[in-house]
């Protein structure tokens, strides 16, 4: 009787656990993933797979007793390249460029997507869908899709470790289902010893924080008439091209997951007339409208880039004034 009871309870637990797992929404899992990626002490060894290249990377993260976050990204092939985060300061070590530090809470680097994203904000523009379960890096994972509600941007498919809630794989997918990029973890570890190991970053002599200039213009003679919902404009900038000496005005837009920039300049014989190119995740669309060249460059589908570029409106005649 006792053996029968134990067997019955075992069968009951096996049958009911998946039901409990299904009750947990994809959005709740993304919140758990975001929390785990910012609070655990862990190391991810992964590869970034593009159409014509494979880049091996190592990412370490630790949270100190004073709640400051430390992160270290190392490119494992080619020239020495590193990105170091200490709290709200991020330092970049690149070949051929003097190391520099900027004030920021995010690395501009190929980290696995969604590590520091605002899930609540993204939920306004993306649907989060549970696809099922799979294995990645030897671990059981929940598979989720991050799908744009408007169909005007790319999607992600995420593999989230069921035990640690860390992201172990991310596929960037276009609207036709083609995989443009893959982040795939080969091995990973979670250990509080990493906090002690990475505390040494606090003693490393890194460059002082650069004082970055704010957008150097406040108004202009053009504006973007349409963007997909959720893309917010950032600062306007004006600068002169080094080779052609053309004046160019630019503005970046971001929805918290993807970004693109719009460039406007006076057209000349070097202007690209009607060019539309996509290389991996990056799209370039450039055309001439009147006396101006308009270019859109960013992580958006070609049709979206074309629509954004064609929506640019000019309020006065003439080229950008210095």
Protein backbone atom coordinates (compact mmCIF):
# COMPACT_ATOMS: atom_id res chain seq x y z
CA UNK A 1 0.00 0.00 0.00
CA UNK A 2 2.83 2.38 0.92
CA UNK A 3 4.64 1.65 -2.36
CA UNK A 4 1.42 2.22 -4.29
CA UNK A 5 0.89 5.56 -2.56
CA UNK A 6 4.43 6.74 -3.34
CA UNK A 7 4.03 5.71 -7.00
CA UNK A 8 0.72 7.53 -7.26
CA UNK A 9 2.16 10.71 -5.76
CA UNK A 10 5.11 10.55 -8.14
CA UNK A 11 2.84 10.21 -11.16
CA UNK A 12 0.68 13.07 -9.86
CA UNK A 13 3.68 15.37 -9.44
CA UNK A 14 4.97 14.57 -12.93
CA UNK A 15 1.62 15.31 -14.46
CA UNK A 16 0.96 18.54 -12.60
CA UNK A 17 4.36 20.28 -12.82
CA UNK A 18 4.04 21.13 -16.54
CA UNK A 19 0.65 22.66 -15.80
CA UNK A 20 2.21 24.89 -13.16
CA UNK A 21 4.99 25.80 -15.59
CA UNK A 22 2.43 26.84 -18.22
CA UNK A 23 0.80 29.23 -15.75
CA UNK A 24 3.97 31.30 -15.72
CA UNK A 25 3.69 33.80 -18.56
CA UNK A 26 6.42 34.60 -21.05
CA UNK A 27 6.55 38.15 -19.69
CA UNK A 28 7.07 36.85 -16.12
CA UNK A 29 9.94 34.67 -17.36
CA UNK A 30 11.55 37.68 -19.08
CA UNK A 31 11.35 39.64 -15.82
CA UNK A 32 13.03 36.71 -14.02
CA UNK A 33 15.71 36.53 -16.73
CA UNK A 34 16.38 40.26 -16.47
CA UNK A 35 16.61 40.05 -12.68
CA UNK A 36 18.93 37.01 -12.76
CA UNK A 37 21.25 38.57 -15.34
CA UNK A 38 21.72 41.65 -13.14
CA UNK A 39 22.00 39.98 -9.71
CA UNK A 40 23.76 36.63 -10.21
CA UNK A 41 27.54 36.14 -10.35
CA UNK A 42 28.06 34.23 -13.57
CA UNK A 43 30.21 33.57 -16.61
CA UNK A 44 28.96 32.90 -20.15
CA UNK A 45 31.19 31.57 -22.91
CA UNK A 46 29.34 31.96 -26.21
CA UNK A 47 29.71 32.50 -29.93
CA UNK A 48 28.07 35.14 -32.12
CA UNK A 49 27.22 33.58 -35.49
CA UNK A 50 26.68 35.88 -38.46
CA UNK A 51 26.31 35.01 -42.11
CA UNK A 52 30.04 35.18 -42.86
CA UNK A 53 31.69 35.07 -39.45
CA UNK A 54 31.80 33.43 -36.03
CA UNK A 55 32.99 35.48 -33.05
CA UNK A 56 33.88 33.72 -29.75
CA UNK A 57 33.21 35.82 -26.64
CA UNK A 58 33.45 35.56 -22.86
CA UNK A 59 31.13 37.58 -20.60
CA UNK A 60 31.50 37.76 -16.81
CA UNK A 61 29.16 39.53 -14.42
CA UNK A 62 29.26 40.09 -10.65
CA UNK A 63 27.34 42.14 -8.12
CA UNK A 64 29.37 43.56 -5.25
CA UNK A 65 28.32 43.93 -1.62
CA UNK A 66 27.68 47.64 -2.21
CA UNK A 67 25.25 46.65 -5.02
CA UNK A 68 27.56 47.92 -7.76
CA UNK A 69 27.58 45.79 -10.89
CA UNK A 70 30.81 44.68 -12.56
CA UNK A 71 30.92 43.22 -16.06
CA UNK A 72 33.72 42.20 -18.38
CA UNK A 73 33.37 41.23 -22.05
CA UNK A 74 36.40 39.74 -23.82
CA UNK A 75 36.73 39.02 -27.55
CA UNK A 76 38.54 35.68 -27.68
CA UNK A 77 40.01 35.86 -31.19
CA UNK A 78 41.96 38.44 -33.16
CA UNK A 79 43.43 41.62 -31.62
CA UNK A 80 42.86 42.31 -27.92
CA UNK A 81 39.41 43.86 -27.42
CA UNK A 82 37.68 44.28 -24.08
CA UNK A 83 34.74 46.13 -22.57
CA UNK A 84 34.71 46.73 -18.80
CA UNK A 85 31.78 48.00 -16.79
CA UNK A 86 32.18 49.33 -13.27
CA UNK A 87 28.82 50.59 -12.02
CA UNK A 88 27.76 53.35 -14.41
CA UNK A 89 31.14 53.64 -16.12
CA UNK A 90 31.98 51.61 -19.23
CA UNK A 91 35.52 51.43 -20.63
CA UNK A 92 36.43 50.27 -24.13
CA UNK A 93 39.79 48.81 -25.17
CA UNK A 94 39.99 48.59 -28.97
CA UNK A 95 42.94 48.06 -31.34
CA UNK A 96 44.20 51.24 -32.98
CA UNK A 97 42.21 53.51 -30.66
CA UNK A 98 43.15 55.05 -27.33
CA UNK A 99 41.16 53.34 -24.52
CA UNK A 100 38.29 55.50 -23.32
CA UNK A 101 35.56 55.51 -20.65
CA UNK A 102 32.03 56.88 -20.87
CA UNK A 103 29.25 57.21 -18.34
CA UNK A 104 26.61 54.60 -19.17
CA UNK A 105 24.78 51.67 -17.63
CA UNK A 106 24.95 49.60 -20.81
CA UNK A 107 27.74 48.17 -22.90
CA UNK A 108 27.72 48.91 -26.61
CA UNK A 109 28.96 45.42 -27.42
CA UNK A 110 27.70 42.00 -28.61
CA UNK A 111 26.21 40.86 -25.32
CA UNK A 112 23.29 38.41 -25.40
CA UNK A 113 20.14 40.50 -26.10
CA UNK A 114 17.57 41.50 -23.44
CA UNK A 115 20.10 41.45 -20.56
CA UNK A 116 19.32 45.04 -19.55
CA UNK A 117 16.04 45.74 -21.33
CA UNK A 118 12.94 47.34 -19.82
CA UNK A 119 10.45 44.48 -20.19
CA UNK A 120 7.46 46.63 -19.17
CA UNK A 121 8.31 49.25 -21.78
CA UNK A 122 8.89 46.65 -24.52
CA UNK A 123 5.58 44.92 -23.76
CA UNK A 124 3.79 47.92 -25.32
CA UNK A 125 5.31 47.18 -28.73
CA UNK A 126 6.17 43.47 -28.60
CA UNK A 127 4.27 40.28 -27.83
CA UNK A 128 6.02 37.72 -25.62
CA UNK A 129 5.13 34.13 -26.54
CA UNK A 130 6.17 30.84 -24.96
CA UNK A 131 7.17 28.37 -27.67
CA UNK A 132 8.08 25.31 -25.58
CA UNK A 133 11.10 23.66 -24.01
CA UNK A 134 14.50 22.73 -25.47
CA UNK A 135 18.13 22.19 -24.50
CA UNK A 136 21.01 24.61 -24.95
CA UNK A 137 24.54 24.31 -23.54
CA UNK A 138 23.39 21.05 -21.94
CA UNK A 139 20.65 22.77 -19.91
CA UNK A 140 16.85 22.54 -20.07
CA UNK A 141 15.46 25.86 -21.31
CA UNK A 142 12.18 27.65 -21.82
CA UNK A 143 11.97 29.00 -25.37
CA UNK A 144 10.32 32.40 -25.85
CA UNK A 145 9.63 34.64 -28.83
CA UNK A 146 9.74 38.44 -28.74
CA UNK A 147 7.53 39.43 -31.69
CA UNK A 148 6.76 43.02 -32.81
CA UNK A 149 3.06 43.82 -32.69
CA UNK A 150 3.28 45.89 -35.88
CA UNK A 151 5.40 43.49 -37.97
CA UNK A 152 7.71 46.37 -38.86
CA UNK A 153 10.86 45.25 -37.02
CA UNK A 154 12.80 42.09 -36.28
CA UNK A 155 12.01 39.37 -33.74
CA UNK A 156 14.07 37.45 -31.19
CA UNK A 157 13.80 33.84 -30.09
CA UNK A 158 15.29 33.33 -26.61
CA UNK A 159 16.38 30.19 -24.77
CA UNK A 160 16.22 30.81 -20.99
CA UNK A 161 17.78 28.33 -18.56
CA UNK A 162 15.05 26.85 -16.34
CA UNK A 163 17.39 26.61 -13.34
CA UNK A 164 19.25 29.94 -13.35
CA UNK A 165 16.94 32.02 -15.60
CA UNK A 166 19.98 33.17 -17.57
CA UNK A 167 19.66 33.59 -21.37
CA UNK A 168 21.70 30.89 -23.10
CA UNK A 169 20.77 31.53 -26.72
CA UNK A 170 19.18 34.28 -28.82
CA UNK A 171 18.27 34.14 -32.51
CA UNK A 172 17.57 37.35 -34.41
CA UNK A 173 14.87 36.56 -36.97
CA UNK A 174 13.45 38.63 -39.83
CA UNK A 175 9.82 38.69 -40.95
CA UNK A 176 10.38 35.78 -43.36
CA UNK A 177 11.74 33.57 -40.58
CA UNK A 178 15.37 33.84 -41.70
CA UNK A 179 17.90 33.79 -38.86
CA UNK A 180 20.17 36.82 -39.22
CA UNK A 181 22.32 36.31 -36.10
CA UNK A 182 22.70 33.74 -33.35
CA UNK A 183 24.16 34.09 -29.86
CA UNK A 184 24.84 30.52 -28.61
CA UNK A 185 26.31 29.72 -25.21
CA UNK A 186 28.86 26.91 -25.22
CA UNK A 187 29.37 26.72 -21.44
CA UNK A 188 28.45 28.75 -18.37
CA UNK A 189 28.94 28.78 -14.63
CA UNK A 190 27.39 30.50 -11.61
CA UNK A 191 29.59 31.11 -8.58
CA UNK A 192 29.94 33.70 -5.83
CA UNK A 193 33.71 33.32 -6.24
CA UNK A 194 33.38 35.42 -9.38
CA UNK A 195 32.53 38.46 -7.25
CA UNK A 196 35.88 38.12 -5.47
CA UNK A 197 37.70 37.46 -8.76
CA UNK A 198 36.13 40.43 -10.55
CA UNK A 199 36.66 42.82 -7.65
CA UNK A 200 40.16 43.18 -9.10
CA UNK A 201 38.61 45.30 -11.87
CA UNK A 202 38.22 48.09 -9.30
CA UNK A 203 42.01 48.29 -9.05
CA UNK A 204 42.65 48.41 -12.79
CA UNK A 205 43.82 51.82 -14.02
CA UNK A 206 41.30 52.87 -16.66
CA UNK A 207 40.89 56.20 -18.50
CA UNK A 208 38.90 58.98 -16.86
CA UNK A 209 35.28 59.38 -17.91
CA UNK A 210 34.96 61.40 -21.10
CA UNK A 211 32.71 64.43 -21.02
CA UNK A 212 30.53 63.71 -24.04
CA UNK A 213 29.04 66.76 -25.77
CA UNK A 214 25.28 67.03 -25.86
CA UNK A 215 23.48 67.31 -29.17
CA UNK A 216 24.99 70.38 -30.77
CA UNK A 217 21.79 71.68 -32.41
CA UNK A 218 18.28 72.10 -31.08
CA UNK A 219 16.26 72.63 -34.28
CA UNK A 220 16.66 71.90 -37.94
CA UNK A 221 14.94 72.34 -41.29
CA UNK A 222 13.79 68.71 -41.55
CA UNK A 223 11.87 66.16 -39.50
CA UNK A 224 10.98 62.48 -39.69
CA UNK A 225 7.29 62.18 -40.41
CA UNK A 226 6.86 58.50 -39.52
CA UNK A 227 8.54 55.83 -37.39
CA UNK A 228 7.21 52.54 -36.01
CA UNK A 229 5.43 53.11 -32.71
CA UNK A 230 7.76 53.18 -29.72
CA UNK A 231 10.85 54.57 -31.46
CA UNK A 232 11.87 57.71 -29.57
CA UNK A 233 14.12 60.41 -31.05
CA UNK A 234 17.42 61.12 -29.33
CA UNK A 235 19.69 64.13 -29.74
CA UNK A 236 20.24 65.97 -33.02
CA UNK A 237 23.84 66.34 -34.20
CA UNK A 238 25.60 68.25 -36.95
CA UNK A 239 29.12 67.60 -38.21
CA UNK A 240 31.29 67.90 -41.31
CA UNK A 241 32.50 64.83 -43.21
CA UNK A 242 36.30 64.54 -43.12
CA UNK A 243 36.85 63.65 -46.80
CA UNK A 244 34.03 65.40 -48.69
CA UNK A 245 33.61 68.22 -46.12
CA UNK A 246 29.84 67.91 -46.52
CA UNK A 247 27.69 69.06 -43.59
CA UNK A 248 25.59 66.22 -42.23
CA UNK A 249 22.78 66.30 -39.67
CA UNK A 250 21.79 63.10 -37.90
CA UNK A 251 19.32 61.82 -35.34
CA UNK A 252 19.12 58.42 -33.69
CA UNK A 253 15.86 56.65 -32.77
CA UNK A 254 15.48 53.68 -30.39
CA UNK A 255 12.67 51.55 -28.98
CA UNK A 256 14.87 50.01 -26.28
CA UNK A 257 15.63 46.88 -28.32
CA UNK A 258 16.53 48.12 -31.81
CA UNK A 259 17.78 51.45 -33.13
CA UNK A 260 18.36 53.34 -36.37
CA UNK A 261 19.75 56.73 -37.43
CA UNK A 262 18.58 59.22 -40.05
CA UNK A 263 21.22 61.31 -41.89
CA UNK A 264 20.46 64.38 -44.01
CA UNK A 265 22.95 66.37 -46.10
CA UNK A 266 23.11 68.43 -49.28
CA UNK A 267 23.35 66.14 -52.31
CA UNK A 268 26.33 66.15 -54.66
CA UNK A 269 27.94 63.91 -57.26
CA UNK A 270 28.85 61.37 -54.57
CA UNK A 271 25.27 60.98 -53.30
CA UNK A 272 23.79 57.49 -53.33
CA UNK A 273 20.60 57.60 -55.39
CA UNK A 274 18.10 54.93 -54.49
CA UNK A 275 20.40 52.45 -52.75
CA UNK A 276 18.84 49.79 -50.49
CA UNK A 277 21.21 47.26 -48.91
CA UNK A 278 20.83 44.82 -46.03
CA UNK A 279 23.84 43.08 -44.54
CA UNK A 280 22.83 40.81 -41.68
CA UNK A 281 20.82 42.87 -39.22
CA UNK A 282 21.97 46.22 -40.63
CA UNK A 283 20.02 48.01 -43.37
CA UNK A 284 21.16 51.04 -45.39
CA UNK A 285 18.68 52.99 -47.51
CA UNK A 286 19.76 56.20 -49.22
CA UNK A 287 18.06 58.40 -51.82
CA UNK A 288 17.99 61.99 -53.05
CA UNK A 289 14.97 64.20 -52.42
CA UNK A 290 15.20 67.64 -54.00
CA UNK A 291 18.63 69.03 -53.13
CA UNK A 292 19.15 66.74 -50.12
CA UNK A 293 20.43 63.22 -49.60
CA UNK A 294 18.55 61.19 -46.99
CA UNK A 295 20.01 58.00 -45.49
CA UNK A 296 18.58 55.61 -42.92
CA UNK A 297 20.95 53.12 -41.27
CA UNK A 298 20.01 50.69 -38.52
CA UNK A 299 18.74 47.39 -37.19
CA UNK A 300 15.41 47.44 -39.04
CA UNK A 301 13.97 45.64 -42.09
CA UNK A 302 14.55 47.25 -45.53
CA UNK A 303 10.86 48.09 -46.10
CA UNK A 304 10.73 49.89 -42.74
CA UNK A 305 13.93 51.84 -43.50
CA UNK A 306 12.54 52.89 -46.89
CA UNK A 307 9.27 54.09 -45.38
CA UNK A 308 11.09 56.10 -42.70
CA UNK A 309 13.38 57.76 -45.27
CA UNK A 310 10.48 58.69 -47.54
CA UNK A 311 8.62 60.27 -44.61
CA UNK A 312 11.33 62.92 -44.05
CA UNK A 313 9.79 66.37 -44.49
CA UNK A 314 11.70 69.60 -45.22
CA UNK A 315 10.36 72.75 -43.59
CA UNK A 316 12.57 75.28 -45.40
CA UNK A 317 14.58 75.20 -48.59
CA UNK A 318 18.31 74.86 -48.61
CA UNK A 319 21.09 72.77 -47.12
CA UNK A 320 22.08 72.59 -43.43
CA UNK A 321 23.67 75.83 -42.30
CA UNK A 322 26.92 75.74 -40.25
